[in-house]
Amino acid sequence: MTQGAATPLPPPKERRRLREAGSLSRDEIAERVGVTRETIRRWEAGRTTPKGQKREAYAQLLAELIAAPEQPSTAAAAPSTAGPLPAATAAIQEPAPPTAGATAVAVAEPEPAAAPEPVAAGLPARTAAEAFDALYTHAAPFLVRQTYLLTGRRILAREAVERAFQQAWQNWPEVAVDPDPAGWVRAAAYEYAMSPWHGLRPGKRQPEAPPATPEDRELLGALLDLPPVYRRTLMLYDGVGLDLPETAAETEASTPAAANRILHAREAVAQRLPDLAVPEQLHQRLTELAGSERLDAPVSTVVRSGGEKRTRFWTRAAVAFTVFIIGATALTVRVAPTHYEPVPAPGSPIAGVPPLTGPERLTPADLELRKELREKLSGGPERLAPRTE
């Protein structure tokens, strides 16, 4: 996101360093600014940018930490500015527990740690490639099924997950230290899969095979009829199993707005499928629908190599384009004129000069006379010449 003329903020890494230098937790910063702990985590990771009054409060707090890092307790003693949530959100602040024995849709994501180590999803790894492979093996199969429920297209779901992990590999130093690496990849995959530009692709016009059972087709149709932002919010809350603040942070919405989207999405699904009016039943049906599709993700090594090839291609294309621009500029400088040549002024008519004329055309009488003269001269008497005796 671009920042306008608002109060400038330090870089994301500097924000976290200032908080840790002031011995403040994310909960204390969130209480001071009036947001959730998850929002502070995303601000420090650079995944979202504060706006409006929250930005001003956050910038003021960081300025206090810069000015007086030896007194961190003053930031924690400030009163909270966050107001109570609407009463309508109380019933859905806790996600429905997954049903035992079913194929889980939700990715088993680790709890954010205070000082995360560069490992993927709690699985130890010695190198960056091993850490990436561990994260991919852990999260990719579930993420492909989740993305399929968002788009209804199997090829697009695989492509979105593959692109998201390639992006994660390109930014691996940032993803490795993120408290929630699976969430980082999930957000990238959802953004790519739900981009409106996919509607212009030729393959979008070709329908894919629907789910096998009529119940699954009806549920998938109900999901796809929801607005994209409602569909994503419902998927994160009732499918993945995030809590309300995390769902609001990932969809870049306020907590009340995310709660209202969940309520409206549930109502829309319940109108077409009355049996899914209970949130626990909806969660179970989403789990079964995702598990019924055999969507295999490519091997992690293929994803890494594909991302590296794409990076090399675009790097070479950028270099080639730069060389072309330099060559065109040099050619223009070489053939361009070195001095100014004035343009000749347009001509103007001059008065007093007679028009240019020629001999007049012969009349029929003149033509007849010329013919007669030519004939008589050629057949006339011989020329007389004097002779001396």
Protein backbone atom coordinates (compact mmCIF):
# COMPACT_ATOMS: atom_id res chain seq x y z
CA MET A 1 0.00 0.00 0.00
CA THR A 2 1.22 3.49 -0.66
CA GLN A 3 1.42 6.10 2.01
CA GLY A 4 0.01 9.53 1.39
CA ALA A 5 0.72 12.76 3.26
CA ALA A 6 0.10 11.05 6.61
CA THR A 7 2.56 10.79 9.47
CA PRO A 8 5.64 8.83 8.32
CA LEU A 9 6.40 5.50 9.98
CA PRO A 10 9.68 3.65 10.48
CA PRO A 11 10.32 0.52 8.40
CA PRO A 12 8.55 -2.66 9.60
CA LYS A 13 11.71 -4.19 11.08
CA GLU A 14 12.46 -0.96 12.93
CA ARG A 15 8.95 -0.97 14.44
CA ARG A 16 9.52 -4.37 15.95
CA ARG A 17 13.00 -3.40 17.15
CA LEU A 18 11.63 -0.31 18.90
CA ARG A 19 8.94 -2.37 20.62
CA GLU A 20 11.41 -4.97 21.82
CA ALA A 21 13.87 -2.27 22.89
CA GLY A 22 11.12 -0.73 24.99
CA SER A 23 10.29 -4.13 26.56
CA LEU A 24 6.72 -3.91 25.33
CA SER A 25 4.58 -6.79 24.14
CA ARG A 26 2.27 -6.72 21.17
CA ASP A 27 -0.70 -6.80 23.53
CA GLU A 28 0.48 -3.62 25.22
CA ILE A 29 1.01 -1.86 21.90
CA ALA A 30 -2.40 -3.06 20.68
CA GLU A 31 -4.07 -1.78 23.85
CA ARG A 32 -2.46 1.62 23.43
CA VAL A 33 -3.31 1.99 19.74
CA GLY A 34 -6.74 0.38 19.97
CA VAL A 35 -6.29 -2.58 17.65
CA THR A 36 -5.73 -6.31 18.01
CA ARG A 37 -2.48 -8.12 18.68
CA GLU A 38 -2.66 -9.73 15.25
CA THR A 39 -2.88 -6.30 13.62
CA ILE A 40 0.29 -5.17 15.37
CA ARG A 41 2.02 -8.34 14.20
CA ARG A 42 1.07 -7.65 10.59
CA TRP A 43 2.18 -4.02 10.87
CA GLU A 44 5.57 -5.15 12.13
CA ALA A 45 5.83 -7.74 9.34
CA GLY A 46 4.97 -5.13 6.70
CA ARG A 47 1.98 -7.08 5.38
CA THR A 48 -0.47 -4.27 6.13
CA THR A 49 -0.13 -0.54 6.73
CA PRO A 50 -2.04 1.45 9.37
CA LYS A 51 -4.32 4.24 8.23
CA GLY A 52 -6.26 7.13 9.69
CA GLN A 53 -6.35 7.66 13.44
CA LYS A 54 -4.76 4.27 14.11
CA ARG A 55 -1.77 5.34 12.06
CA GLU A 56 -1.43 8.59 13.97
CA ALA A 57 -1.64 6.81 17.33
CA TYR A 58 0.87 4.18 16.23
CA ALA A 59 3.28 6.78 14.86
CA GLN A 60 3.04 8.79 18.10
CA LEU A 61 3.79 5.70 20.16
CA LEU A 62 6.82 4.83 18.03
CA ALA A 63 8.04 8.41 18.33
CA GLU A 64 7.82 8.11 22.12
CA LEU A 65 9.85 4.90 22.00
CA ILE A 66 12.47 6.59 19.82
CA ALA A 67 12.66 9.63 22.09
CA ALA A 68 12.68 7.76 25.41
CA PRO A 69 13.61 4.10 24.95
CA GLU A 70 14.69 3.83 28.57
CA GLN A 71 11.13 4.40 29.83
CA PRO A 72 8.96 1.75 28.13
CA SER A 73 6.44 1.63 30.96
CA THR A 74 4.82 4.91 29.90
CA ALA A 75 3.47 3.29 26.75
CA ALA A 76 1.83 0.48 28.68
CA ALA A 77 0.21 2.83 31.19
CA ALA A 78 -1.84 4.67 28.59
CA PRO A 79 -5.59 3.97 28.59
CA SER A 80 -7.07 1.78 25.90
CA THR A 81 -8.85 3.49 23.02
CA ALA A 82 -10.56 0.40 21.65
CA GLY A 83 -14.30 0.29 22.11
CA PRO A 84 -16.42 -2.81 22.82
CA LEU A 85 -17.44 -5.03 19.94
CA PRO A 86 -21.07 -5.07 18.84
CA ALA A 87 -23.31 -7.54 20.61
CA ALA A 88 -24.02 -9.30 17.33
CA THR A 89 -20.43 -10.52 17.17
CA ALA A 90 -20.49 -12.30 20.52
CA ALA A 91 -22.01 -15.44 19.09
CA ILE A 92 -19.27 -15.98 16.52
CA GLN A 93 -16.11 -14.93 18.28
CA GLU A 94 -15.03 -18.55 18.73
CA PRO A 95 -14.69 -20.75 15.62
CA ALA A 96 -16.44 -24.06 15.41
CA PRO A 97 -14.19 -27.00 16.37
CA PRO A 98 -13.32 -29.39 13.53
CA THR A 99 -15.17 -32.65 13.39
CA ALA A 100 -13.20 -35.70 14.43
CA GLY A 101 -12.45 -38.29 11.74
CA ALA A 102 -12.95 -35.94 8.76
CA THR A 103 -10.26 -34.69 6.45
CA ALA A 104 -9.26 -31.36 7.93
CA VAL A 105 -9.60 -28.26 5.78
CA ALA A 106 -7.83 -26.00 8.23
CA VAL A 107 -4.07 -25.84 8.15
CA ALA A 108 -2.53 -26.68 11.48
CA GLU A 109 -0.84 -23.34 11.88
CA PRO A 110 1.56 -22.66 14.74
CA GLU A 111 0.90 -20.16 17.48
CA PRO A 112 2.84 -16.90 17.02
CA ALA A 113 5.97 -16.90 19.13
CA ALA A 114 7.69 -13.94 20.74
CA ALA A 115 11.02 -14.67 19.03
CA PRO A 116 10.43 -17.03 16.11
CA GLU A 117 13.28 -18.97 14.62
CA PRO A 118 13.72 -19.34 10.85
CA VAL A 119 11.92 -22.65 10.59
CA ALA A 120 8.70 -23.48 8.79
CA ALA A 121 5.59 -24.44 10.77
CA GLY A 122 7.56 -25.67 13.76
CA LEU A 123 9.45 -28.27 11.69
CA PRO A 124 13.22 -28.04 12.23
CA ALA A 125 15.42 -27.54 9.18
CA ARG A 126 19.09 -26.82 8.72
CA THR A 127 18.99 -24.98 5.40
CA ALA A 128 16.61 -22.55 3.73
CA ALA A 129 15.62 -25.16 1.13
CA GLU A 130 14.80 -27.73 3.83
CA ALA A 131 12.76 -25.17 5.77
CA PHE A 132 10.85 -24.23 2.62
CA ASP A 133 10.21 -27.88 1.77
CA ALA A 134 8.93 -28.50 5.29
CA LEU A 135 6.51 -25.59 5.05
CA TYR A 136 5.38 -26.66 1.59
CA THR A 137 4.80 -30.28 2.62
CA HIS A 138 2.90 -29.14 5.68
CA ALA A 139 0.63 -26.47 4.17
CA ALA A 140 0.34 -26.97 0.39
CA PRO A 141 -2.14 -29.91 0.26
CA PHE A 142 -4.64 -28.18 2.54
CA LEU A 143 -4.13 -24.80 0.89
CA VAL A 144 -4.95 -26.17 -2.57
CA ARG A 145 -8.28 -27.51 -1.28
CA GLN A 146 -9.10 -24.23 0.45
CA THR A 147 -8.33 -22.24 -2.70
CA TYR A 148 -10.55 -24.57 -4.72
CA LEU A 149 -13.48 -23.72 -2.44
CA LEU A 150 -12.81 -20.03 -3.09
CA THR A 151 -12.61 -20.26 -6.87
CA GLY A 152 -14.35 -23.47 -7.90
CA ARG A 153 -11.55 -24.11 -10.40
CA ARG A 154 -8.98 -26.82 -9.81
CA ILE A 155 -6.32 -25.56 -12.21
CA LEU A 156 -6.51 -22.04 -10.81
CA ALA A 157 -6.25 -23.37 -7.25
CA ARG A 158 -3.04 -25.26 -8.04
CA GLU A 159 -1.61 -22.30 -9.92
CA ALA A 160 -2.42 -19.88 -7.09
CA VAL A 161 -0.75 -22.07 -4.46
CA GLU A 162 2.28 -22.62 -6.69
CA ARG A 163 2.67 -18.89 -7.33
CA ALA A 164 2.24 -18.12 -3.62
CA PHE A 165 5.01 -20.53 -2.62
CA GLN A 166 7.26 -19.22 -5.38
CA GLN A 167 6.70 -15.74 -4.00
CA ALA A 168 7.47 -17.05 -0.53
CA TRP A 169 10.73 -18.59 -1.78
CA GLN A 170 11.74 -15.31 -3.38
CA ASN A 171 11.07 -13.54 -0.05
CA TRP A 172 12.22 -16.41 2.15
CA PRO A 173 14.29 -14.34 4.64
CA GLU A 174 11.11 -12.44 5.48
CA VAL A 175 8.83 -15.48 5.47
CA ALA A 176 11.23 -17.61 7.55
CA VAL A 177 11.12 -15.23 10.53
CA ASP A 178 7.39 -14.54 10.21
CA PRO A 179 5.43 -15.88 13.22
CA ASP A 180 2.86 -17.36 10.84
CA PRO A 181 4.57 -18.48 7.60
CA ALA A 182 1.58 -20.58 6.54
CA GLY A 183 -0.64 -17.54 6.91
CA TRP A 184 1.78 -15.49 4.80
CA VAL A 185 1.53 -18.01 1.96
CA ARG A 186 -2.23 -18.39 2.40
CA ALA A 187 -2.79 -14.64 2.05
CA ALA A 188 -0.67 -14.55 -1.13
CA ALA A 189 -2.51 -17.54 -2.61
CA TYR A 190 -5.94 -16.06 -1.84
CA GLU A 191 -4.98 -12.71 -3.35
CA TYR A 192 -3.79 -14.35 -6.57
CA ALA A 193 -6.72 -16.76 -6.84
CA MET A 194 -9.38 -14.08 -6.33
CA SER A 195 -7.87 -11.50 -8.67
CA PRO A 196 -10.54 -10.18 -11.07
CA TRP A 197 -8.06 -10.33 -13.97
CA HIS A 198 -8.53 -14.09 -14.20
CA GLY A 199 -11.90 -13.43 -15.80
CA LEU A 200 -10.09 -12.22 -18.95
CA ARG A 201 -8.16 -15.45 -19.42
CA PRO A 202 -9.30 -17.75 -22.27
CA GLY A 203 -9.40 -20.80 -19.98
CA LYS A 204 -11.92 -19.08 -17.72
CA ARG A 205 -14.64 -19.60 -20.33
CA GLN A 206 -14.19 -23.36 -20.34
CA PRO A 207 -16.29 -24.95 -17.56
CA GLU A 208 -14.72 -27.50 -15.25
CA ALA A 209 -16.26 -30.72 -14.06
CA PRO A 210 -18.51 -30.08 -11.03
CA PRO A 211 -18.26 -32.09 -7.79
CA ALA A 212 -19.54 -35.65 -7.89
CA THR A 213 -22.56 -35.47 -5.54
CA PRO A 214 -25.50 -33.05 -5.85
CA GLU A 215 -24.99 -31.88 -2.24
CA ASP A 216 -21.42 -30.87 -2.98
CA ARG A 217 -22.45 -29.09 -6.17
CA GLU A 218 -25.13 -27.16 -4.31
CA LEU A 219 -22.73 -26.10 -1.54
CA LEU A 220 -20.02 -25.06 -3.98
CA GLY A 221 -22.57 -23.08 -5.97
CA ALA A 222 -23.74 -21.32 -2.81
CA LEU A 223 -20.16 -20.38 -1.98
CA LEU A 224 -19.39 -19.08 -5.46
CA ASP A 225 -22.55 -16.95 -5.46
CA LEU A 226 -21.23 -15.00 -2.47
CA PRO A 227 -19.29 -11.78 -3.07
CA PRO A 228 -15.55 -12.50 -3.10
CA VAL A 229 -14.80 -10.69 0.15
CA TYR A 230 -17.68 -12.48 1.94
CA ARG A 231 -16.56 -15.82 0.53
CA ARG A 232 -12.99 -15.29 1.71
CA THR A 233 -14.07 -14.18 5.19
CA LEU A 234 -16.36 -17.18 5.58
CA MET A 235 -13.63 -19.52 4.37
CA LEU A 236 -11.07 -18.15 6.82
CA TYR A 237 -13.43 -18.30 9.79
CA ASP A 238 -15.52 -21.42 9.22
CA GLY A 239 -13.12 -23.27 6.92
CA VAL A 240 -9.58 -22.55 8.07
CA GLY A 241 -10.65 -21.95 11.66
CA LEU A 242 -9.10 -18.54 12.37
CA ASP A 243 -10.55 -16.48 15.17
CA LEU A 244 -12.38 -13.23 14.48
CA PRO A 245 -9.46 -10.78 14.98
CA GLU A 246 -7.16 -12.86 12.77
CA THR A 247 -9.85 -13.10 10.09
CA ALA A 248 -10.38 -9.35 10.19
CA ALA A 249 -6.64 -8.70 9.98
CA GLU A 250 -6.10 -11.01 7.01
CA THR A 251 -9.03 -9.51 5.09
CA GLU A 252 -7.88 -5.98 6.05
CA ALA A 253 -11.20 -5.14 7.70
CA SER A 254 -12.32 -4.12 11.15
CA THR A 255 -13.52 -6.78 13.56
CA PRO A 256 -17.21 -5.68 13.43
CA ALA A 257 -17.08 -5.60 9.62
CA ALA A 258 -15.63 -9.11 9.49
CA ALA A 259 -18.31 -10.31 11.91
CA ASN A 260 -21.08 -8.83 9.77
CA ARG A 261 -19.64 -10.46 6.66
CA ILE A 262 -19.62 -13.83 8.38
CA LEU A 263 -23.22 -13.43 9.51
CA HIS A 264 -24.44 -12.38 6.06
CA ALA A 265 -22.49 -15.15 4.35
CA ARG A 266 -23.96 -17.76 6.71
CA GLU A 267 -27.44 -16.44 6.10
CA ALA A 268 -26.97 -16.59 2.31
CA VAL A 269 -25.72 -20.18 2.49
CA ALA A 270 -28.52 -21.17 4.90
CA GLN A 271 -31.16 -19.80 2.50
CA ARG A 272 -30.07 -22.27 -0.17
CA LEU A 273 -29.09 -25.07 2.23
CA PRO A 274 -31.20 -24.89 5.40
CA ASP A 275 -29.36 -27.86 6.89
CA LEU A 276 -26.20 -25.72 7.15
CA ALA A 277 -27.72 -23.02 9.35
CA VAL A 278 -25.72 -24.40 12.29
CA PRO A 279 -22.06 -23.21 12.13
CA GLU A 280 -20.74 -26.62 13.24
CA GLN A 281 -22.61 -28.32 10.41
CA LEU A 282 -21.32 -25.76 7.90
CA HIS A 283 -17.74 -26.35 9.05
CA GLN A 284 -18.18 -30.11 8.69
CA ARG A 285 -19.63 -29.78 5.18
CA LEU A 286 -16.79 -27.50 4.09
CA THR A 287 -14.35 -30.07 5.44
CA GLU A 288 -16.05 -32.88 3.55
CA LEU A 289 -16.29 -30.88 0.32
CA ALA A 290 -12.59 -30.01 0.39
CA GLY A 291 -11.60 -33.55 1.24
CA SER A 292 -13.66 -35.05 -1.57
CA GLU A 293 -11.50 -33.37 -4.24
CA ARG A 294 -8.18 -34.97 -5.11
CA LEU A 295 -6.05 -31.91 -5.62
CA ASP A 296 -2.38 -32.77 -5.47
CA ALA A 297 0.19 -30.00 -5.31
CA PRO A 298 3.43 -30.30 -7.32
CA VAL A 299 6.67 -31.30 -5.65
CA SER A 300 8.37 -28.58 -3.62
CA THR A 301 11.56 -28.84 -5.67
CA VAL A 302 9.57 -28.17 -8.83
CA VAL A 303 8.01 -25.11 -7.22
CA ARG A 304 11.37 -23.76 -6.10
CA SER A 305 13.03 -24.37 -9.47
CA GLY A 306 10.05 -22.88 -11.30
CA GLY A 307 10.22 -19.76 -9.17
CA GLU A 308 13.94 -19.43 -9.76
CA LYS A 309 13.48 -19.85 -13.53
CA ARG A 310 10.75 -17.22 -13.55
CA THR A 311 12.98 -14.86 -11.58
CA ARG A 312 15.88 -15.39 -13.98
CA PHE A 313 13.59 -14.88 -16.98
CA TRP A 314 12.20 -11.58 -15.75
CA THR A 315 15.67 -10.45 -14.66
CA ARG A 316 17.06 -11.15 -18.11
CA ALA A 317 14.03 -9.53 -19.72
CA ALA A 318 14.58 -6.42 -17.60
CA VAL A 319 18.27 -6.35 -18.54
CA ALA A 320 17.45 -6.81 -22.24
CA PHE A 321 14.84 -4.07 -22.10
CA THR A 322 17.31 -1.76 -20.37
CA VAL A 323 19.94 -2.48 -23.03
CA PHE A 324 17.36 -1.78 -25.74
CA ILE A 325 16.46 1.55 -24.17
CA ILE A 326 20.14 2.49 -23.88
CA GLY A 327 20.78 1.51 -27.52
CA ALA A 328 17.76 3.44 -28.76
CA THR A 329 18.87 6.48 -26.76
CA ALA A 330 22.39 6.26 -28.13
CA LEU A 331 21.10 5.94 -31.71
CA THR A 332 18.83 8.93 -31.22
CA VAL A 333 21.72 11.00 -29.91
CA ARG A 334 23.88 9.89 -32.84
CA VAL A 335 21.46 10.77 -35.65
CA ALA A 336 19.85 13.80 -34.05
CA PRO A 337 20.86 17.25 -35.50
CA THR A 338 23.50 19.12 -33.55
CA HIS A 339 22.33 22.64 -34.38
CA TYR A 340 19.14 24.43 -35.21
CA GLU A 341 18.19 24.75 -38.86
CA PRO A 342 15.50 27.35 -39.42
CA VAL A 343 12.61 26.33 -41.60
CA PRO A 344 12.30 28.36 -44.86
CA ALA A 345 9.49 30.84 -44.76
CA PRO A 346 6.57 30.05 -47.03
CA GLY A 347 6.49 31.99 -50.35
CA SER A 348 4.27 35.04 -50.82
CA PRO A 349 2.80 36.38 -54.14
CA ILE A 350 4.48 39.44 -55.78
CA ALA A 351 2.31 42.11 -57.38
CA GLY A 352 3.01 43.74 -60.81
CA VAL A 353 4.48 40.74 -62.65
CA PRO A 354 2.54 39.66 -65.76
CA PRO A 355 1.51 36.06 -65.90
CA LEU A 356 3.69 33.64 -67.80
CA THR A 357 2.25 33.09 -71.31
CA GLY A 358 3.27 31.25 -74.51
CA PRO A 359 2.38 31.21 -78.21
CA GLU A 360 -1.26 30.96 -79.06
CA ARG A 361 -2.68 27.87 -80.66
CA LEU A 362 -3.03 27.90 -84.50
CA THR A 363 -6.47 28.47 -85.91
CA PRO A 364 -7.93 26.25 -88.70
CA ALA A 365 -7.13 28.98 -91.23
CA ASP A 366 -3.51 29.12 -90.08
CA LEU A 367 -3.21 25.36 -90.36
CA GLU A 368 -4.62 25.44 -93.92
CA LEU A 369 -2.20 28.17 -94.97
CA ARG A 370 0.77 26.27 -93.58
CA LYS A 371 -0.22 23.17 -95.48
CA GLU A 372 -0.64 25.07 -98.73
CA LEU A 373 2.74 26.74 -98.41
CA ARG A 374 4.52 23.50 -97.80
CA GLU A 375 2.97 21.81 -100.85
CA LYS A 376 3.65 24.64 -103.32
CA LEU A 377 7.24 25.17 -102.33
CA SER A 378 8.14 21.53 -102.72
CA GLY A 379 6.63 21.20 -106.23
CA GLY A 380 7.51 24.64 -107.71
CA PRO A 381 9.85 25.54 -110.59
CA GLU A 382 13.58 24.96 -110.44
CA ARG A 383 15.66 27.72 -109.07
CA LEU A 384 17.25 29.95 -111.70
CA ALA A 385 20.87 30.73 -111.34
CA PRO A 386 22.81 33.28 -113.58
CA ARG A 387 25.45 31.82 -115.89
CA THR A 388 28.37 33.66 -117.55
CA GLU A 389 29.26 33.24 -121.19
